[in-house]
């Protein structure tokens, strides 16, 4: 199959400080050779925030490193899009360890008082201080990378409408209002907002599971969310069909089709999208979800480090899918 969409995009973790030069060279060699024109850079809280230093994550990226990366990608003519998780994914999904906003501002936890949650904790969208704090962080990051696009995250929001401030409110309204407030701020700075599309889909109508479609009512935000937001429509499993292709097109969104680490599943999704394309698909976004060192090592044919984590086992699938998406097509 040769897919017809113009943009070829890759979603990767931001490098550690000692990997920055290698990462920039990776862009100048491998990414250019494979005609990748867009990179979504997963930063989360790994950034040297000055406005809220308590929100700095482990091994934060400095402003100097951000500039070095931005300059290298600009030289390569690769569109660089920094990314944070700005609603859900505020804890490690494996051990419920809070990320840096909720660790230092526990009153902003949508599920405060609950010892355990279903998956990951969320920021309370109704807290009087949460939006300002998030926008301060966004401003610092977008200024450092001098970017014209920013990915807001917004995927897999399981905790919403639970705290005393939010309880009783419509989850779709809560979700849409939060998304639109951040998007409006970005647009006021000339920055195009991006987000994942799963919370805009009704799991029961799409016949998908609770991961790549919503089962808690956020899907009613579909008609309320700003249509200037670019949606990254991700599906990592071989579903019988992918109605999100038509749903997001009919709602007026431009879309990136987002794949992961199984060639067969990716091919099935892209074949379906090619057949049902309504002219709104911008391109394909291959996601990786592991330290970029593994991605670079795998693509360069190096022996992978076995640190006891899942990365070594998953990397061959990531590399295989990358090669199919960007070298064989």
C-alpha atoms as a PDB file:
ATOM      1  CA  UNK A   1       0.000   0.000   0.000  1.00  0.00           C
ATOM      2  CA  UNK A   2       1.096   3.540  -0.707  1.00  0.00           C
ATOM      3  CA  UNK A   3      -0.865   5.982   1.383  1.00  0.00           C
ATOM      4  CA  UNK A   4      -1.858   9.254  -0.304  1.00  0.00           C
ATOM      5  CA  UNK A   5      -1.506  11.822   2.487  1.00  0.00           C
ATOM      6  CA  UNK A   6       1.179  14.455   2.340  1.00  0.00           C
ATOM      7  CA  UNK A   7       2.537  14.774   5.877  1.00  0.00           C
ATOM      8  CA  UNK A   8       4.770  12.130   7.471  1.00  0.00           C
ATOM      9  CA  UNK A   9       4.994  12.647  11.233  1.00  0.00           C
ATOM     10  CA  UNK A  10       6.698  10.943  14.173  1.00  0.00           C
ATOM     11  CA  UNK A  11       5.864  11.186  17.882  1.00  0.00           C
ATOM     12  CA  UNK A  12       8.920  10.630  20.130  1.00  0.00           C
ATOM     13  CA  UNK A  13      10.070  11.291  23.683  1.00  0.00           C
ATOM     14  CA  UNK A  14      12.313  14.281  24.228  1.00  0.00           C
ATOM     15  CA  UNK A  15      15.976  13.314  24.623  1.00  0.00           C
ATOM     16  CA  UNK A  16      17.924  13.484  27.852  1.00  0.00           C
ATOM     17  CA  UNK A  17      20.470  16.322  28.047  1.00  0.00           C
ATOM     18  CA  UNK A  18      23.353  14.036  27.081  1.00  0.00           C
ATOM     19  CA  UNK A  19      21.376  12.792  24.038  1.00  0.00           C
ATOM     20  CA  UNK A  20      20.493  16.190  22.561  1.00  0.00           C
ATOM     21  CA  UNK A  21      23.355  16.330  20.047  1.00  0.00           C
ATOM     22  CA  UNK A  22      22.674  12.767  18.919  1.00  0.00           C
ATOM     23  CA  UNK A  23      18.958  13.564  18.590  1.00  0.00           C
ATOM     24  CA  UNK A  24      19.672  16.627  16.451  1.00  0.00           C
ATOM     25  CA  UNK A  25      21.943  14.542  14.223  1.00  0.00           C
ATOM     26  CA  UNK A  26      19.206  11.875  14.059  1.00  0.00           C
ATOM     27  CA  UNK A  27      16.930  14.532  12.578  1.00  0.00           C
ATOM     28  CA  UNK A  28      19.564  15.638  10.072  1.00  0.00           C
ATOM     29  CA  UNK A  29      20.245  12.110   8.880  1.00  0.00           C
ATOM     30  CA  UNK A  30      17.540   9.517   9.523  1.00  0.00           C
ATOM     31  CA  UNK A  31      14.427  11.731   9.634  1.00  0.00           C
ATOM     32  CA  UNK A  32      15.369  13.757   6.561  1.00  0.00           C
ATOM     33  CA  UNK A  33      16.227  10.577   4.636  1.00  0.00           C
ATOM     34  CA  UNK A  34      12.798   9.141   5.456  1.00  0.00           C
ATOM     35  CA  UNK A  35      11.041  12.387   4.446  1.00  0.00           C
ATOM     36  CA  UNK A  36       9.551  12.977   7.889  1.00  0.00           C
ATOM     37  CA  UNK A  37       8.313  16.561   7.950  1.00  0.00           C
ATOM     38  CA  UNK A  38       6.744  16.775  11.448  1.00  0.00           C
ATOM     39  CA  UNK A  39       7.835  15.633  14.922  1.00  0.00           C
ATOM     40  CA  UNK A  40       5.636  15.702  18.028  1.00  0.00           C
ATOM     41  CA  UNK A  41       8.062  15.928  20.945  1.00  0.00           C
ATOM     42  CA  UNK A  42       6.822  14.382  24.192  1.00  0.00           C
ATOM     43  CA  UNK A  43       8.092  16.626  26.987  1.00  0.00           C
ATOM     44  CA  UNK A  44       5.422  16.366  29.680  1.00  0.00           C
ATOM     45  CA  UNK A  45       6.992  18.054  32.753  1.00  0.00           C
ATOM     46  CA  UNK A  46      10.618  17.447  31.772  1.00  0.00           C
ATOM     47  CA  UNK A  47      11.323  21.158  31.374  1.00  0.00           C
ATOM     48  CA  UNK A  48      13.103  23.792  33.473  1.00  0.00           C
ATOM     49  CA  UNK A  49      10.040  25.850  34.315  1.00  0.00           C
ATOM     50  CA  UNK A  50      10.806  29.179  36.006  1.00  0.00           C
ATOM     51  CA  UNK A  51       7.232  30.336  36.611  1.00  0.00           C
ATOM     52  CA  UNK A  52       6.478  27.175  38.600  1.00  0.00           C
ATOM     53  CA  UNK A  53       9.790  25.442  39.359  1.00  0.00           C
ATOM     54  CA  UNK A  54       7.954  22.931  41.543  1.00  0.00           C
ATOM     55  CA  UNK A  55       6.490  21.519  38.320  1.00  0.00           C
ATOM     56  CA  UNK A  56       9.861  20.566  36.857  1.00  0.00           C
ATOM     57  CA  UNK A  57      10.024  16.864  36.091  1.00  0.00           C
ATOM     58  CA  UNK A  58      12.915  14.433  36.265  1.00  0.00           C
ATOM     59  CA  UNK A  59      15.982  15.435  34.197  1.00  0.00           C
ATOM     60  CA  UNK A  60      14.341  18.595  32.845  1.00  0.00           C
ATOM     61  CA  UNK A  61      15.230  20.038  29.460  1.00  0.00           C
ATOM     62  CA  UNK A  62      16.939  23.403  29.706  1.00  0.00           C
ATOM     63  CA  UNK A  63      15.983  26.403  27.599  1.00  0.00           C
ATOM     64  CA  UNK A  64      19.385  26.100  25.930  1.00  0.00           C
ATOM     65  CA  UNK A  65      18.636  22.488  24.952  1.00  0.00           C
ATOM     66  CA  UNK A  66      15.191  23.530  23.709  1.00  0.00           C
ATOM     67  CA  UNK A  67      16.771  26.167  21.479  1.00  0.00           C
ATOM     68  CA  UNK A  68      19.378  23.724  20.174  1.00  0.00           C
ATOM     69  CA  UNK A  69      16.674  21.197  19.264  1.00  0.00           C
ATOM     70  CA  UNK A  70      14.411  23.850  17.740  1.00  0.00           C
ATOM     71  CA  UNK A  71      17.251  25.315  15.646  1.00  0.00           C
ATOM     72  CA  UNK A  72      18.300  21.870  14.382  1.00  0.00           C
ATOM     73  CA  UNK A  73      14.772  20.906  13.361  1.00  0.00           C
ATOM     74  CA  UNK A  74      14.217  24.282  11.702  1.00  0.00           C
ATOM     75  CA  UNK A  75      17.412  23.742   9.728  1.00  0.00           C
ATOM     76  CA  UNK A  76      16.036  20.348   8.661  1.00  0.00           C
ATOM     77  CA  UNK A  77      12.701  21.930   7.708  1.00  0.00           C
ATOM     78  CA  UNK A  78      10.968  19.557  10.140  1.00  0.00           C
ATOM     79  CA  UNK A  79       7.944  21.011  11.917  1.00  0.00           C
ATOM     80  CA  UNK A  80       8.542  20.609  15.661  1.00  0.00           C
ATOM     81  CA  UNK A  81       5.496  20.376  17.949  1.00  0.00           C
ATOM     82  CA  UNK A  82       6.156  20.243  21.720  1.00  0.00           C
ATOM     83  CA  UNK A  83       3.648  18.203  23.749  1.00  0.00           C
ATOM     84  CA  UNK A  84       2.405  18.135  27.349  1.00  0.00           C
ATOM     85  CA  UNK A  85      -0.438  16.273  29.057  1.00  0.00           C
ATOM     86  CA  UNK A  86      -2.780  19.065  30.097  1.00  0.00           C
ATOM     87  CA  UNK A  87      -5.733  17.213  31.646  1.00  0.00           C
ATOM     88  CA  UNK A  88      -5.384  13.455  32.134  1.00  0.00           C
ATOM     89  CA  UNK A  89      -2.204  11.380  32.518  1.00  0.00           C
ATOM     90  CA  UNK A  90      -1.198  13.201  35.669  1.00  0.00           C
ATOM     91  CA  UNK A  91       0.062   9.979  37.245  1.00  0.00           C
ATOM     92  CA  UNK A  92       2.194   7.096  36.160  1.00  0.00           C
ATOM     93  CA  UNK A  93      -0.289   4.498  34.954  1.00  0.00           C
ATOM     94  CA  UNK A  94       1.662   1.672  36.558  1.00  0.00           C
ATOM     95  CA  UNK A  95       2.117   2.863  40.137  1.00  0.00           C
ATOM     96  CA  UNK A  96      -0.145   5.907  40.588  1.00  0.00           C
ATOM     97  CA  UNK A  97       2.854   8.180  41.209  1.00  0.00           C
ATOM     98  CA  UNK A  98       1.679  11.745  40.668  1.00  0.00           C
ATOM     99  CA  UNK A  99       3.254  13.942  38.031  1.00  0.00           C
ATOM    100  CA  UNK A 100       4.537  17.326  39.026  1.00  0.00           C
ATOM    101  CA  UNK A 101       1.398  19.482  39.033  1.00  0.00           C
ATOM    102  CA  UNK A 102      -0.603  17.216  41.319  1.00  0.00           C
ATOM    103  CA  UNK A 103       2.429  16.268  43.382  1.00  0.00           C
ATOM    104  CA  UNK A 104       2.847  19.909  44.386  1.00  0.00           C
ATOM    105  CA  UNK A 105      -0.759  21.088  44.020  1.00  0.00           C
ATOM    106  CA  UNK A 106      -2.827  18.156  45.322  1.00  0.00           C
ATOM    107  CA  UNK A 107      -5.890  20.391  45.630  1.00  0.00           C
ATOM    108  CA  UNK A 108      -6.005  20.380  41.801  1.00  0.00           C
ATOM    109  CA  UNK A 109      -6.501  16.593  41.731  1.00  0.00           C
ATOM    110  CA  UNK A 110      -9.897  15.734  40.241  1.00  0.00           C
ATOM    111  CA  UNK A 111      -9.915  12.570  42.378  1.00  0.00           C
ATOM    112  CA  UNK A 112      -8.547  14.095  45.581  1.00  0.00           C
ATOM    113  CA  UNK A 113      -9.116  11.939  48.606  1.00  0.00           C
ATOM    114  CA  UNK A 114      -9.164   8.732  46.570  1.00  0.00           C
ATOM    115  CA  UNK A 115      -6.245   6.481  47.358  1.00  0.00           C
ATOM    116  CA  UNK A 116      -6.454   4.709  43.995  1.00  0.00           C
ATOM    117  CA  UNK A 117      -8.056   5.617  40.676  1.00  0.00           C
ATOM    118  CA  UNK A 118      -9.068   3.528  37.668  1.00  0.00           C
ATOM    119  CA  UNK A 119      -6.086   4.532  35.523  1.00  0.00           C
ATOM    120  CA  UNK A 120      -4.453   7.981  35.686  1.00  0.00           C
ATOM    121  CA  UNK A 121      -5.366  11.060  37.692  1.00  0.00           C
ATOM    122  CA  UNK A 122      -6.525  14.304  36.064  1.00  0.00           C
ATOM    123  CA  UNK A 123      -6.264  18.018  36.702  1.00  0.00           C
ATOM    124  CA  UNK A 124      -9.517  19.522  37.958  1.00  0.00           C
ATOM    125  CA  UNK A 125     -10.792  21.759  35.116  1.00  0.00           C
ATOM    126  CA  UNK A 126     -12.958  23.743  37.552  1.00  0.00           C
ATOM    127  CA  UNK A 127     -10.257  24.637  40.068  1.00  0.00           C
ATOM    128  CA  UNK A 128      -9.886  28.458  40.134  1.00  0.00           C
ATOM    129  CA  UNK A 129      -6.095  28.302  39.728  1.00  0.00           C
ATOM    130  CA  UNK A 130      -5.518  25.299  37.461  1.00  0.00           C
ATOM    131  CA  UNK A 131      -5.947  27.009  34.085  1.00  0.00           C
ATOM    132  CA  UNK A 132      -3.594  29.871  34.905  1.00  0.00           C
ATOM    133  CA  UNK A 133      -0.933  27.461  36.149  1.00  0.00           C
ATOM    134  CA  UNK A 134      -1.200  25.306  33.032  1.00  0.00           C
ATOM    135  CA  UNK A 135      -1.047  28.325  30.718  1.00  0.00           C
ATOM    136  CA  UNK A 136       2.053  29.625  32.514  1.00  0.00           C
ATOM    137  CA  UNK A 137       3.776  26.311  31.776  1.00  0.00           C
ATOM    138  CA  UNK A 138       2.564  26.301  28.177  1.00  0.00           C
ATOM    139  CA  UNK A 139       3.859  29.830  27.615  1.00  0.00           C
ATOM    140  CA  UNK A 140       7.316  28.980  28.898  1.00  0.00           C
ATOM    141  CA  UNK A 141       7.581  25.889  26.736  1.00  0.00           C
ATOM    142  CA  UNK A 142       6.225  27.446  23.549  1.00  0.00           C
ATOM    143  CA  UNK A 143       8.487  30.487  23.976  1.00  0.00           C
ATOM    144  CA  UNK A 144      11.563  28.311  24.525  1.00  0.00           C
ATOM    145  CA  UNK A 145      10.897  26.222  21.409  1.00  0.00           C
ATOM    146  CA  UNK A 146       9.697  29.259  19.395  1.00  0.00           C
ATOM    147  CA  UNK A 147       7.011  26.945  18.030  1.00  0.00           C
ATOM    148  CA  UNK A 148       3.940  27.666  15.931  1.00  0.00           C
ATOM    149  CA  UNK A 149       2.092  24.487  17.031  1.00  0.00           C
ATOM    150  CA  UNK A 150       1.580  22.753  20.371  1.00  0.00           C
ATOM    151  CA  UNK A 151       0.079  19.393  21.336  1.00  0.00           C
ATOM    152  CA  UNK A 152      -2.179  19.605  24.410  1.00  0.00           C
ATOM    153  CA  UNK A 153      -2.539  15.857  25.032  1.00  0.00           C
ATOM    154  CA  UNK A 154      -6.127  15.372  26.342  1.00  0.00           C
ATOM    155  CA  UNK A 155      -6.199  11.592  25.835  1.00  0.00           C
ATOM    156  CA  UNK A 156      -7.499   8.845  28.117  1.00  0.00           C
ATOM    157  CA  UNK A 157      -9.259  11.147  30.589  1.00  0.00           C
ATOM    158  CA  UNK A 158     -10.955   8.703  32.951  1.00  0.00           C
ATOM    159  CA  UNK A 159     -11.146  11.004  35.984  1.00  0.00           C
ATOM    160  CA  UNK A 160     -13.588  13.841  35.275  1.00  0.00           C
ATOM    161  CA  UNK A 161     -16.755  15.163  36.898  1.00  0.00           C
ATOM    162  CA  UNK A 162     -15.856  13.685  40.282  1.00  0.00           C
ATOM    163  CA  UNK A 163     -14.597  16.400  42.641  1.00  0.00           C
ATOM    164  CA  UNK A 164     -16.998  18.704  44.538  1.00  0.00           C
ATOM    165  CA  UNK A 165     -16.360  21.520  42.042  1.00  0.00           C
ATOM    166  CA  UNK A 166     -17.109  19.340  39.000  1.00  0.00           C
ATOM    167  CA  UNK A 167     -19.646  16.834  40.285  1.00  0.00           C
ATOM    168  CA  UNK A 168     -23.055  17.263  38.674  1.00  0.00           C
ATOM    169  CA  UNK A 169     -21.686  19.124  35.675  1.00  0.00           C
ATOM    170  CA  UNK A 170     -21.849  17.648  32.181  1.00  0.00           C
ATOM    171  CA  UNK A 171     -18.580  15.873  31.375  1.00  0.00           C
ATOM    172  CA  UNK A 172     -18.708  16.932  27.753  1.00  0.00           C
ATOM    173  CA  UNK A 173     -19.067  20.573  28.796  1.00  0.00           C
ATOM    174  CA  UNK A 174     -16.231  20.269  31.326  1.00  0.00           C
ATOM    175  CA  UNK A 175     -13.964  18.721  28.721  1.00  0.00           C
ATOM    176  CA  UNK A 176     -14.858  21.130  25.906  1.00  0.00           C
ATOM    177  CA  UNK A 177     -14.541  24.252  28.051  1.00  0.00           C
ATOM    178  CA  UNK A 178     -11.098  23.215  29.297  1.00  0.00           C
ATOM    179  CA  UNK A 179      -9.850  22.275  25.821  1.00  0.00           C
ATOM    180  CA  UNK A 180     -11.225  25.447  24.249  1.00  0.00           C
ATOM    181  CA  UNK A 181      -9.706  27.710  26.907  1.00  0.00           C
ATOM    182  CA  UNK A 182      -6.207  26.362  26.264  1.00  0.00           C
ATOM    183  CA  UNK A 183      -6.728  26.334  22.493  1.00  0.00           C
ATOM    184  CA  UNK A 184      -7.913  29.952  22.520  1.00  0.00           C
ATOM    185  CA  UNK A 185      -4.818  30.992  24.460  1.00  0.00           C
ATOM    186  CA  UNK A 186      -2.544  29.205  21.996  1.00  0.00           C
ATOM    187  CA  UNK A 187      -4.331  30.709  19.011  1.00  0.00           C
ATOM    188  CA  UNK A 188      -3.976  34.191  20.515  1.00  0.00           C
ATOM    189  CA  UNK A 189      -0.215  33.657  20.264  1.00  0.00           C
ATOM    190  CA  UNK A 190      -0.395  32.408  16.666  1.00  0.00           C
ATOM    191  CA  UNK A 191       0.098  28.777  17.748  1.00  0.00           C
ATOM    192  CA  UNK A 192      -1.961  25.946  16.234  1.00  0.00           C
ATOM    193  CA  UNK A 193      -3.349  23.563  18.893  1.00  0.00           C
ATOM    194  CA  UNK A 194      -3.211  19.784  18.486  1.00  0.00           C
ATOM    195  CA  UNK A 195      -4.786  17.064  20.652  1.00  0.00           C
ATOM    196  CA  UNK A 196      -5.589  13.347  20.711  1.00  0.00           C
ATOM    197  CA  UNK A 197      -9.084  12.499  19.511  1.00  0.00           C
ATOM    198  CA  UNK A 198     -10.168   9.568  21.698  1.00  0.00           C
ATOM    199  CA  UNK A 199     -12.265  11.556  24.197  1.00  0.00           C
ATOM    200  CA  UNK A 200     -14.382  12.930  21.338  1.00  0.00           C
ATOM    201  CA  UNK A 201     -15.539   9.446  20.320  1.00  0.00           C
ATOM    202  CA  UNK A 202     -18.372   7.407  21.808  1.00  0.00           C
ATOM    203  CA  UNK A 203     -17.004   3.972  22.670  1.00  0.00           C
ATOM    204  CA  UNK A 204     -20.408   2.325  22.323  1.00  0.00           C
ATOM    205  CA  UNK A 205     -21.129   3.832  18.907  1.00  0.00           C
ATOM    206  CA  UNK A 206     -17.636   3.141  17.561  1.00  0.00           C
ATOM    207  CA  UNK A 207     -17.523  -0.340  19.107  1.00  0.00           C
ATOM    208  CA  UNK A 208     -14.072   0.425  20.506  1.00  0.00           C
ATOM    209  CA  UNK A 209     -12.721  -0.112  24.005  1.00  0.00           C
ATOM    210  CA  UNK A 210     -12.454   2.610  26.675  1.00  0.00           C
ATOM    211  CA  UNK A 211      -8.928   3.595  25.632  1.00  0.00           C
ATOM    212  CA  UNK A 212      -9.349   4.925  22.111  1.00  0.00           C
ATOM    213  CA  UNK A 213     -12.947   6.096  22.713  1.00  0.00           C
ATOM    214  CA  UNK A 214     -14.849   7.516  25.688  1.00  0.00           C
ATOM    215  CA  UNK A 215     -17.266   5.762  28.028  1.00  0.00           C
ATOM    216  CA  UNK A 216     -17.759   8.645  30.481  1.00  0.00           C
ATOM    217  CA  UNK A 217     -19.633  11.212  28.425  1.00  0.00           C
ATOM    218  CA  UNK A 218     -16.780  13.410  27.163  1.00  0.00           C
ATOM    219  CA  UNK A 219     -17.727  12.447  23.582  1.00  0.00           C
ATOM    220  CA  UNK A 220     -20.518  15.066  23.654  1.00  0.00           C
ATOM    221  CA  UNK A 221     -17.722  17.649  23.360  1.00  0.00           C
ATOM    222  CA  UNK A 222     -17.333  16.666  19.684  1.00  0.00           C
ATOM    223  CA  UNK A 223     -19.589  19.487  18.470  1.00  0.00           C
ATOM    224  CA  UNK A 224     -18.349  21.971  21.085  1.00  0.00           C
ATOM    225  CA  UNK A 225     -14.584  21.792  20.630  1.00  0.00           C
ATOM    226  CA  UNK A 226     -12.832  24.409  18.470  1.00  0.00           C
ATOM    227  CA  UNK A 227     -12.560  23.099  14.897  1.00  0.00           C
ATOM    228  CA  UNK A 228      -9.168  24.767  14.434  1.00  0.00           C
ATOM    229  CA  UNK A 229      -7.641  22.097  16.684  1.00  0.00           C
ATOM    230  CA  UNK A 230      -5.782  19.414  14.713  1.00  0.00           C
ATOM    231  CA  UNK A 231      -6.942  16.001  15.926  1.00  0.00           C
ATOM    232  CA  UNK A 232      -4.563  13.040  16.202  1.00  0.00           C
ATOM    233  CA  UNK A 233      -6.876  10.062  15.707  1.00  0.00           C
ATOM    234  CA  UNK A 234      -5.105   7.103  17.305  1.00  0.00           C
ATOM    235  CA  UNK A 235      -5.997   3.434  17.051  1.00  0.00           C
ATOM    236  CA  UNK A 236      -3.502   0.733  17.946  1.00  0.00           C
ATOM    237  CA  UNK A 237      -5.710  -2.348  17.559  1.00  0.00           C
ATOM    238  CA  UNK A 238      -7.240  -4.097  14.577  1.00  0.00           C
ATOM    239  CA  UNK A 239     -10.882  -3.096  15.045  1.00  0.00           C
ATOM    240  CA  UNK A 240     -13.493  -4.319  12.512  1.00  0.00           C
ATOM    241  CA  UNK A 241     -13.872  -0.702  11.373  1.00  0.00           C
ATOM    242  CA  UNK A 242     -12.683   2.794  12.288  1.00  0.00           C
ATOM    243  CA  UNK A 243     -15.748   5.083  12.212  1.00  0.00           C
ATOM    244  CA  UNK A 244     -13.702   7.901  13.770  1.00  0.00           C
ATOM    245  CA  UNK A 245     -12.427   8.587  10.251  1.00  0.00           C
ATOM    246  CA  UNK A 246     -15.912   9.645   9.154  1.00  0.00           C
ATOM    247  CA  UNK A 247     -17.016  11.074  12.539  1.00  0.00           C
ATOM    248  CA  UNK A 248     -14.126  13.524  12.814  1.00  0.00           C
ATOM    249  CA  UNK A 249     -14.425  14.508   9.154  1.00  0.00           C
ATOM    250  CA  UNK A 250     -18.152  15.185   9.462  1.00  0.00           C
ATOM    251  CA  UNK A 251     -17.501  17.247  12.612  1.00  0.00           C
ATOM    252  CA  UNK A 252     -15.148  19.514  10.640  1.00  0.00           C
ATOM    253  CA  UNK A 253     -11.725  18.519  11.992  1.00  0.00           C
ATOM    254  CA  UNK A 254      -8.446  18.106  10.174  1.00  0.00           C
ATOM    255  CA  UNK A 255      -6.776  14.897  11.275  1.00  0.00           C
ATOM    256  CA  UNK A 256      -3.543  12.947  11.601  1.00  0.00           C
ATOM    257  CA  UNK A 257      -3.983   9.157  11.582  1.00  0.00           C
ATOM    258  CA  UNK A 258      -1.906   7.831  14.475  1.00  0.00           C
ATOM    259  CA  UNK A 259      -0.410   4.333  14.644  1.00  0.00           C
ATOM    260  CA  UNK A 260       1.828   2.437  17.070  1.00  0.00           C
ATOM    261  CA  UNK A 261       3.886  -0.757  17.005  1.00  0.00           C
ATOM    262  CA  UNK A 262       2.003  -3.384  14.996  1.00  0.00           C
ATOM    263  CA  UNK A 263       2.368  -3.273  11.234  1.00  0.00           C
ATOM    264  CA  UNK A 264      -0.780  -5.303  10.575  1.00  0.00           C
ATOM    265  CA  UNK A 265      -2.946  -3.098  12.799  1.00  0.00           C
ATOM    266  CA  UNK A 266      -1.486   0.066  11.286  1.00  0.00           C
ATOM    267  CA  UNK A 267      -2.086  -1.219   7.757  1.00  0.00           C
ATOM    268  CA  UNK A 268      -5.677  -2.146   8.592  1.00  0.00           C
ATOM    269  CA  UNK A 269      -6.351   1.352  10.004  1.00  0.00           C
ATOM    270  CA  UNK A 270      -4.724   3.193   7.106  1.00  0.00           C
ATOM    271  CA  UNK A 271      -6.425   0.999   4.490  1.00  0.00           C
ATOM    272  CA  UNK A 272      -9.786   1.824   6.073  1.00  0.00           C
ATOM    273  CA  UNK A 273      -8.952   5.541   6.197  1.00  0.00           C
ATOM    274  CA  UNK A 274      -7.836   5.570   2.578  1.00  0.00           C
ATOM    275  CA  UNK A 275     -11.154   4.048   1.524  1.00  0.00           C
ATOM    276  CA  UNK A 276     -13.246   6.435   3.680  1.00  0.00           C
ATOM    277  CA  UNK A 277     -11.166   9.619   3.349  1.00  0.00           C
ATOM    278  CA  UNK A 278     -13.297  12.759   3.073  1.00  0.00           C
ATOM    279  CA  UNK A 279     -10.394  15.083   2.281  1.00  0.00           C
ATOM    280  CA  UNK A 280      -9.572  16.205   5.829  1.00  0.00           C
ATOM    281  CA  UNK A 281      -6.638  13.846   6.546  1.00  0.00           C
ATOM    282  CA  UNK A 282      -3.310  15.691   6.734  1.00  0.00           C
ATOM    283  CA  UNK A 283      -1.020  12.710   7.155  1.00  0.00           C
ATOM    284  CA  UNK A 284       0.165   9.816   9.301  1.00  0.00           C
ATOM    285  CA  UNK A 285       1.682  10.116  12.778  1.00  0.00           C
ATOM    286  CA  UNK A 286       3.740   7.146  13.945  1.00  0.00           C
ATOM    287  CA  UNK A 287       3.928   7.008  17.753  1.00  0.00           C
ATOM    288  CA  UNK A 288       6.655   5.334  19.819  1.00  0.00           C
ATOM    289  CA  UNK A 289       5.976   5.773  23.593  1.00  0.00           C
ATOM    290  CA  UNK A 290       9.453   4.896  24.806  1.00  0.00           C
ATOM    291  CA  UNK A 291      12.711   6.764  25.466  1.00  0.00           C
ATOM    292  CA  UNK A 292      14.005   8.109  22.167  1.00  0.00           C
ATOM    293  CA  UNK A 293      17.334   6.361  22.799  1.00  0.00           C
ATOM    294  CA  UNK A 294      15.645   3.021  22.075  1.00  0.00           C
ATOM    295  CA  UNK A 295      14.095   4.348  18.886  1.00  0.00           C
ATOM    296  CA  UNK A 296      17.434   5.690  17.645  1.00  0.00           C
ATOM    297  CA  UNK A 297      19.307   2.523  18.665  1.00  0.00           C
ATOM    298  CA  UNK A 298      16.719   0.281  17.024  1.00  0.00           C
ATOM    299  CA  UNK A 299      16.741   2.184  13.748  1.00  0.00           C
ATOM    300  CA  UNK A 300      20.529   2.210  13.731  1.00  0.00           C
ATOM    301  CA  UNK A 301      20.658  -1.562  14.288  1.00  0.00           C
ATOM    302  CA  UNK A 302      22.422  -1.322  17.655  1.00  0.00           C
ATOM    303  CA  UNK A 303      22.082  -3.894  20.388  1.00  0.00           C
ATOM    304  CA  UNK A 304      19.338  -2.765  22.736  1.00  0.00           C
ATOM    305  CA  UNK A 305      19.992  -2.253  26.416  1.00  0.00           C
ATOM    306  CA  UNK A 306      18.045  -4.597  28.684  1.00  0.00           C
ATOM    307  CA  UNK A 307      17.143  -2.536  31.735  1.00  0.00           C
ATOM    308  CA  UNK A 308      14.320  -4.814  32.835  1.00  0.00           C
ATOM    309  CA  UNK A 309      11.643  -2.561  31.355  1.00  0.00           C
ATOM    310  CA  UNK A 310       9.340  -3.247  28.412  1.00  0.00           C
ATOM    311  CA  UNK A 311      11.300  -1.104  25.970  1.00  0.00           C
ATOM    312  CA  UNK A 312      13.676  -3.800  24.679  1.00  0.00           C
ATOM    313  CA  UNK A 313      10.789  -6.155  23.934  1.00  0.00           C
ATOM    314  CA  UNK A 314       8.662  -3.439  22.270  1.00  0.00           C
ATOM    315  CA  UNK A 315      11.365  -1.736  20.205  1.00  0.00           C
ATOM    316  CA  UNK A 316      11.455  -4.277  17.327  1.00  0.00           C
ATOM    317  CA  UNK A 317       7.747  -3.681  16.714  1.00  0.00           C
ATOM    318  CA  UNK A 318       8.254   0.093  16.802  1.00  0.00           C
ATOM    319  CA  UNK A 319      11.135  -0.183  14.345  1.00  0.00           C
ATOM    320  CA  UNK A 320       9.196  -2.519  12.044  1.00  0.00           C
ATOM    321  CA  UNK A 321       6.208  -0.188  11.973  1.00  0.00           C
ATOM    322  CA  UNK A 322       8.460   2.837  11.394  1.00  0.00           C
ATOM    323  CA  UNK A 323      10.125   1.126   8.449  1.00  0.00           C
ATOM    324  CA  UNK A 324       6.779   0.212   6.919  1.00  0.00           C
ATOM    325  CA  UNK A 325       5.363   3.717   7.365  1.00  0.00           C
ATOM    326  CA  UNK A 326       8.361   5.786   6.352  1.00  0.00           C
ATOM    327  CA  UNK A 327      10.743   3.630   4.340  1.00  0.00           C
ATOM    328  CA  UNK A 328       8.522   1.201   2.446  1.00  0.00           C
ATOM    329  CA  UNK A 329       5.762   3.715   1.623  1.00  0.00           C
END
